[in-house]
Protein backbone atom coordinates (compact mmCIF):
# COMPACT_ATOMS: atom_id res chain seq x y z
CA MET A 1 -11.43 17.34 10.31
CA ARG A 2 -12.17 17.27 6.60
CA THR A 3 -9.95 14.70 4.91
CA LEU A 4 -9.21 13.73 1.31
CA VAL A 5 -8.15 10.17 0.50
CA THR A 6 -6.88 9.78 -3.07
CA GLY A 7 -7.20 6.18 -4.18
CA GLY A 8 -10.02 6.00 -1.65
CA ALA A 9 -11.83 3.09 -3.32
CA GLY A 10 -8.75 0.89 -3.35
CA PHE A 11 -7.68 -1.83 -0.94
CA LEU A 12 -5.84 0.43 1.50
CA GLY A 13 -7.87 3.54 0.75
CA SER A 14 -11.21 1.98 1.62
CA HIS A 15 -9.92 0.69 4.97
CA LEU A 16 -8.48 4.14 5.69
CA CYS A 17 -11.80 5.84 4.87
CA GLU A 18 -13.58 3.52 7.31
CA ARG A 19 -11.12 4.36 10.07
CA LEU A 20 -11.35 8.11 9.45
CA LEU A 21 -15.14 8.01 9.64
CA ILE A 22 -14.89 6.20 12.98
CA LEU A 23 -12.57 8.99 14.16
CA GLY A 24 -15.20 11.58 13.21
CA HIS A 25 -13.68 12.97 10.00
CA ASP A 26 -15.64 14.18 7.00
CA VAL A 27 -14.12 12.06 4.25
CA VAL A 28 -13.86 12.59 0.50
CA ALA A 29 -12.59 9.55 -1.43
CA LEU A 30 -11.24 10.36 -4.88
CA ASP A 31 -10.66 7.45 -7.27
CA ASN A 32 -10.70 6.90 -11.05
CA MET A 33 -11.55 3.20 -10.56
CA VAL A 34 -8.64 1.94 -12.64
CA THR A 35 -7.74 -0.44 -9.81
CA GLY A 36 -10.19 0.77 -7.15
CA ARG A 37 -13.68 -0.70 -6.90
CA PRO A 38 -16.99 0.94 -5.93
CA SER A 39 -17.87 -2.20 -3.95
CA ASN A 40 -15.01 -1.44 -1.54
CA VAL A 41 -16.81 1.69 -0.32
CA ALA A 42 -20.44 0.78 -1.05
CA HIS A 43 -21.17 0.33 2.66
CA MET A 44 -20.07 3.93 3.33
CA VAL A 45 -21.95 5.84 0.63
CA GLU A 46 -25.05 6.38 2.81
CA ASN A 47 -22.93 8.03 5.52
CA PRO A 48 -23.51 11.82 5.27
CA ARG A 49 -19.87 12.43 6.21
CA PHE A 50 -18.57 10.38 3.27
CA SER A 51 -18.51 11.19 -0.43
CA LEU A 52 -16.99 9.38 -3.41
CA VAL A 53 -15.65 11.39 -6.35
CA ASN A 54 -14.88 9.50 -9.55
CA ALA A 55 -11.96 11.46 -11.00
CA ASP A 56 -8.36 11.05 -12.15
CA LEU A 57 -5.89 12.70 -9.78
CA CYS A 58 -3.56 13.30 -12.73
CA ASP A 59 -6.12 15.87 -13.98
CA GLY A 60 -6.38 17.64 -10.62
CA ILE A 61 -8.71 17.54 -7.63
CA PRO A 62 -12.23 18.64 -8.67
CA VAL A 63 -13.49 19.13 -5.11
CA ASP A 64 -14.29 22.48 -3.51
CA GLY A 65 -13.66 23.43 0.09
CA ARG A 66 -10.61 23.24 2.31
CA PHE A 67 -9.06 19.99 3.54
CA ASP A 68 -7.28 19.56 6.87
CA ARG A 69 -5.63 16.26 5.97
CA ILE A 70 -4.75 14.59 2.66
CA PHE A 71 -3.71 10.96 2.30
CA ASN A 72 -2.25 10.39 -1.16
CA LEU A 73 -2.75 6.68 -1.85
CA ALA A 74 -3.63 6.90 -5.55
CA SER A 75 -1.55 4.44 -7.59
CA PRO A 76 -1.67 1.01 -9.14
CA ALA A 77 0.29 -1.14 -6.70
CA SER A 78 0.71 -4.72 -7.83
CA PRO A 79 2.92 -6.68 -10.25
CA ILE A 80 0.08 -7.16 -12.73
CA ASP A 81 -0.58 -3.42 -12.71
CA TYR A 82 3.03 -2.53 -13.55
CA VAL A 83 2.73 -4.54 -16.78
CA GLU A 84 -0.79 -3.50 -17.74
CA LEU A 85 -0.77 0.12 -16.50
CA PRO A 86 2.80 1.44 -16.87
CA PHE A 87 1.92 4.97 -17.88
CA GLU A 88 -0.89 5.33 -15.37
CA THR A 89 1.56 4.23 -12.67
CA LEU A 90 4.23 6.74 -13.74
CA TYR A 91 1.84 9.63 -14.22
CA VAL A 92 0.00 9.28 -10.91
CA GLY A 93 3.35 9.14 -9.13
CA SER A 94 4.42 12.36 -10.82
CA ASP A 95 1.49 14.52 -11.97
CA GLY A 96 -0.91 13.04 -9.42
CA THR A 97 1.46 13.56 -6.52
CA ARG A 98 2.11 17.14 -7.65
CA HIS A 99 -1.63 17.92 -7.66
CA ALA A 100 -2.02 16.45 -4.16
CA LEU A 101 0.95 18.43 -2.82
CA GLU A 102 -0.22 21.66 -4.45
CA ARG A 103 -3.64 21.23 -2.85
CA ALA A 104 -1.99 20.63 0.53
CA VAL A 105 -0.06 23.89 0.18
CA LEU A 106 -3.17 25.78 -0.94
CA ASP A 107 -5.28 24.47 1.94
CA GLY A 108 -2.56 24.49 4.58
CA ALA A 109 -3.28 20.78 4.98
CA ARG A 110 -1.02 18.09 6.32
CA ILE A 111 -0.37 15.39 3.69
CA MET A 112 0.81 11.79 3.86
CA ILE A 113 2.45 10.35 0.75
CA ALA A 114 2.09 6.59 0.39
CA SER A 115 5.48 5.36 -0.74
CA THR A 116 6.71 1.78 -0.77
CA SER A 117 9.40 -0.67 0.23
CA GLU A 118 10.01 -1.00 -3.51
CA VAL A 119 12.20 2.11 -3.25
CA TYR A 120 14.79 -0.27 -1.74
CA GLY A 121 14.70 -2.49 -4.84
CA ASP A 122 16.41 -5.86 -4.35
CA PRO A 123 18.08 -4.74 -1.14
CA GLU A 124 21.73 -5.28 -0.26
CA VAL A 125 21.05 -4.06 3.30
CA HIS A 126 18.89 -6.30 5.46
CA PRO A 127 16.63 -5.53 7.22
CA GLN A 128 15.91 -2.31 5.36
CA VAL A 129 16.39 0.96 7.27
CA GLU A 130 15.12 4.33 6.10
CA GLY A 131 18.67 5.60 5.55
CA TYR A 132 19.38 2.90 2.93
CA TRP A 133 19.25 4.38 -0.58
CA GLY A 134 18.27 1.18 -2.31
CA ASN A 135 19.27 -1.08 -5.19
CA VAL A 136 16.72 -0.32 -7.91
CA ASN A 137 16.93 -1.21 -11.59
CA PRO A 138 15.69 2.06 -13.16
CA ILE A 139 14.81 0.48 -16.52
CA GLY A 140 13.47 -2.93 -15.45
CA PRO A 141 9.82 -4.03 -15.77
CA ARG A 142 9.11 -3.03 -12.15
CA SER A 143 10.78 0.37 -12.56
CA VAL A 144 7.56 2.19 -13.47
CA TYR A 145 6.38 1.68 -9.89
CA ASP A 146 9.75 1.86 -8.12
CA GLU A 147 10.80 5.08 -9.82
CA ALA A 148 7.35 6.67 -9.61
CA LYS A 149 7.44 6.25 -5.85
CA ARG A 150 11.07 7.42 -5.58
CA PHE A 151 10.11 10.51 -7.57
CA SER A 152 7.05 11.13 -5.40
CA GLU A 153 9.26 11.09 -2.31
CA ALA A 154 11.68 13.56 -3.91
CA LEU A 155 8.81 15.81 -4.96
CA ALA A 156 7.29 15.68 -1.48
CA MET A 157 10.58 16.65 0.14
CA ALA A 158 11.00 19.54 -2.31
CA PHE A 159 7.53 20.80 -1.36
CA ALA A 160 8.46 20.45 2.32
CA ARG A 161 11.77 22.31 1.96
CA TYR A 162 10.79 25.08 -0.44
CA LYS A 163 7.02 25.53 0.02
CA GLY A 164 6.61 24.73 3.71
CA CYS A 165 4.29 21.80 2.99
CA GLN A 166 3.50 19.61 6.01
CA VAL A 167 4.64 16.33 4.47
CA ARG A 168 4.66 12.83 5.92
CA ILE A 169 6.02 9.83 3.97
CA ALA A 170 5.07 6.19 4.63
CA ARG A 171 7.20 3.44 3.11
CA ILE A 172 4.71 0.59 3.01
CA PHE A 173 5.84 -3.04 3.13
CA ASN A 174 3.73 -6.04 2.08
CA THR A 175 0.20 -5.60 3.41
CA TYR A 176 -2.71 -8.03 3.24
CA GLY A 177 -6.34 -8.35 4.29
CA PRO A 178 -9.94 -8.21 3.03
CA ARG A 179 -10.68 -6.40 -0.27
CA MET A 180 -7.48 -7.34 -2.02
CA ARG A 181 -8.02 -8.14 -5.71
CA SER A 182 -7.69 -11.87 -6.28
CA ASN A 183 -5.94 -11.43 -9.64
CA ASP A 184 -3.53 -8.60 -8.87
CA GLY A 185 -0.43 -10.78 -8.79
CA ARG A 186 0.39 -10.34 -5.11
CA VAL A 187 1.31 -13.49 -3.30
CA ILE A 188 -1.35 -13.81 -0.57
CA PRO A 189 -4.44 -13.26 -2.76
CA ALA A 190 -2.89 -15.45 -5.46
CA PHE A 191 -2.21 -18.29 -3.03
CA VAL A 192 -5.57 -18.03 -1.25
CA THR A 193 -7.50 -17.96 -4.54
CA GLN A 194 -5.65 -20.99 -5.87
CA ALA A 195 -6.02 -22.90 -2.60
CA LEU A 196 -9.76 -22.27 -2.40
CA ALA A 197 -10.08 -23.54 -5.98
CA GLY A 198 -8.17 -26.71 -5.08
CA GLU A 199 -5.29 -25.83 -7.38
CA ALA A 200 -1.55 -26.16 -6.83
CA LEU A 201 -0.05 -22.89 -5.59
CA THR A 202 2.37 -21.18 -7.98
CA VAL A 203 5.71 -20.60 -6.26
CA PHE A 204 8.37 -18.69 -8.17
CA GLY A 205 11.88 -20.10 -7.91
CA GLU A 206 12.43 -22.38 -4.94
CA GLY A 207 10.25 -20.17 -2.72
CA ALA A 208 13.20 -19.14 -0.57
CA GLN A 209 12.58 -15.44 -1.20
CA THR A 210 11.17 -13.71 1.86
CA ARG A 211 8.49 -11.15 2.57
CA SER A 212 7.13 -9.54 5.75
CA PHE A 213 3.34 -9.37 5.90
CA CYS A 214 1.42 -6.68 7.80
CA PHE A 215 -2.34 -6.91 8.35
CA VAL A 216 -4.22 -3.96 6.90
CA SER A 217 -5.68 -2.65 10.17
CA ASP A 218 -2.18 -2.36 11.63
CA LEU A 219 -0.99 -0.40 8.61
CA ILE A 220 -3.95 2.01 8.82
CA GLU A 221 -3.13 2.65 12.47
CA GLY A 222 0.39 3.52 11.31
CA PHE A 223 -0.99 5.98 8.76
CA ILE A 224 -3.03 7.79 11.39
CA ARG A 225 -0.13 8.01 13.83
CA LEU A 226 2.25 9.17 11.12
CA ILE A 227 0.14 12.03 9.79
CA GLU A 228 -0.52 13.27 13.33
CA SER A 229 3.18 13.09 14.24
CA ASP A 230 5.81 15.81 13.78
CA TYR A 231 8.19 13.58 11.82
CA GLN A 232 8.75 14.65 8.19
CA LEU A 233 11.21 12.09 6.80
CA PRO A 234 10.24 8.64 5.43
CA VAL A 235 9.10 6.00 7.92
CA ASN A 236 8.93 2.24 7.32
CA LEU A 237 5.50 0.75 8.08
CA GLY A 238 5.38 -3.02 7.98
CA ASN A 239 5.72 -6.20 9.97
CA PRO A 240 9.33 -7.08 10.87
CA ILE A 241 8.68 -10.85 10.98
CA GLU A 242 10.20 -12.39 7.85
CA ARG A 243 8.66 -15.45 6.13
CA SER A 244 9.65 -17.44 3.06
CA VAL A 245 7.19 -17.68 0.19
CA LEU A 246 7.30 -21.48 0.35
CA ASP A 247 6.43 -21.41 4.06
CA LEU A 248 3.52 -19.10 3.25
CA ALA A 249 2.25 -21.47 0.56
CA THR A 250 2.45 -24.45 2.91
CA ARG A 251 0.61 -22.57 5.64
CA ILE A 252 -2.22 -21.43 3.35
CA ASN A 253 -2.69 -24.93 1.90
CA SER A 254 -2.93 -26.28 5.43
CA LEU A 255 -5.45 -23.67 6.60
CA VAL A 256 -7.67 -24.15 3.53
CA GLY A 257 -7.27 -27.93 3.45
CA ASN A 258 -5.85 -27.92 -0.07
CA ALA A 259 -3.98 -31.12 -0.95
CA ALA A 260 -2.80 -29.97 -4.40
CA GLY A 261 0.56 -28.75 -3.10
CA VAL A 262 2.70 -26.30 -5.06
CA ILE A 263 4.25 -25.93 -8.50
CA HIS A 264 7.46 -24.02 -9.19
CA LYS A 265 7.97 -21.50 -11.99
CA PRO A 266 10.95 -19.30 -12.95
CA MET A 267 11.56 -16.15 -10.90
CA PRO A 268 10.24 -12.89 -12.42
CA ILE A 269 12.78 -10.25 -13.42
CA ASP A 270 13.92 -7.98 -10.55
CA ASP A 271 11.76 -9.78 -7.98
CA PRO A 272 13.34 -8.88 -4.60
CA SER A 273 15.01 -11.82 -2.86
CA ARG A 274 14.48 -10.46 0.66
CA ARG A 275 12.16 -7.91 2.16
CA ARG A 276 11.94 -7.00 5.84
CA PRO A 277 11.51 -3.58 7.45
CA ASP A 278 13.47 -2.19 10.34
CA ILE A 279 10.69 -0.42 12.27
CA SER A 280 12.83 1.09 15.02
CA LEU A 281 11.98 4.57 13.76
CA ALA A 282 8.22 3.90 13.73
CA LYS A 283 8.44 2.58 17.28
CA ALA A 284 10.41 5.60 18.48
CA GLU A 285 8.57 8.38 16.63
CA LEU A 286 5.03 6.97 16.41
CA GLY A 287 4.85 4.42 19.21
CA TRP A 288 3.71 2.01 16.50
CA GLU A 289 4.24 -1.66 15.80
CA PRO A 290 1.94 -4.37 14.38
CA ALA A 291 -0.54 -5.90 16.80
CA VAL A 292 -2.46 -8.47 14.71
CA SER A 293 -0.89 -11.94 14.64
CA PHE A 294 -0.20 -13.50 11.25
CA GLU A 295 -2.43 -16.46 12.14
CA ASP A 296 -5.41 -14.21 12.95
CA GLY A 297 -4.88 -11.91 9.99
CA LEU A 298 -4.51 -14.77 7.54
CA ALA A 299 -7.62 -16.52 8.86
CA THR A 300 -9.63 -13.29 8.49
CA THR A 301 -8.34 -12.82 4.95
CA ILE A 302 -9.17 -16.38 3.92
CA ARG A 303 -12.71 -16.05 5.31
CA TRP A 304 -13.20 -12.87 3.26
CA PHE A 305 -12.07 -14.57 0.06
CA GLU A 306 -14.34 -17.53 0.78
CA ALA A 307 -17.31 -15.18 1.16
CA ASN A 308 -16.46 -13.07 -1.88
């Protein structure tokens, strides 16, 4: 197949491009490098079945030829980005998603929209199921990302209902692994970077807030299974094992051998207190669940940060 990956030079996009090449696809990665990095895909550029297009999805898709599959991953996706790139985040969720969906309709391609667990906001239902409508602050500092993704889901479903677009929607929970940006504000790269530098790890609040961490290779497997499935409504993709942020900090300090401990700072506004996916639907419809243990995934991630 010929496949387009928007956001293809990002953390998730680059891992997806690798997997698609292994599966025999011809892959076009489109990225404007606002948060993506050429180094993420540098090892693929000599592959004749891979091409990198530096372009802004909000302006359209300047690539000729028909696509069979489109993975729409283009978006800033970290707390630092929401503050520094609010308009880019909103526009790629709206204009960018529209361009991707229009191209899918034009080509008769199947498209996967990368949504997020942030559509659940600070959830009052736990664990989160796909039928939960969420508890989102529409005007808070995180809203540019939350609402952009909620809009992209609504737009995708409109294209599915009224234009016959073959839409798939992945609600992605916390994912980690090699190629994360060390300064993007997400908890694992922040903790690992501080631990390797021998610094105290910054824990917001008491650290009792929870997250569920999925290794990147497991998530990519979920993407592949989802786009090749017949299921058109949103599907949670994440690891259902819940961990506190303080437990994570303690574990990373131990693995790295960092004796500096932790420091506590006030909680950010609208930071979710709990986050854990119910993946019953993914198991039933995709036959998918995470396979990489947290210990193995974390060790791999730490080794990558040490080397880079």
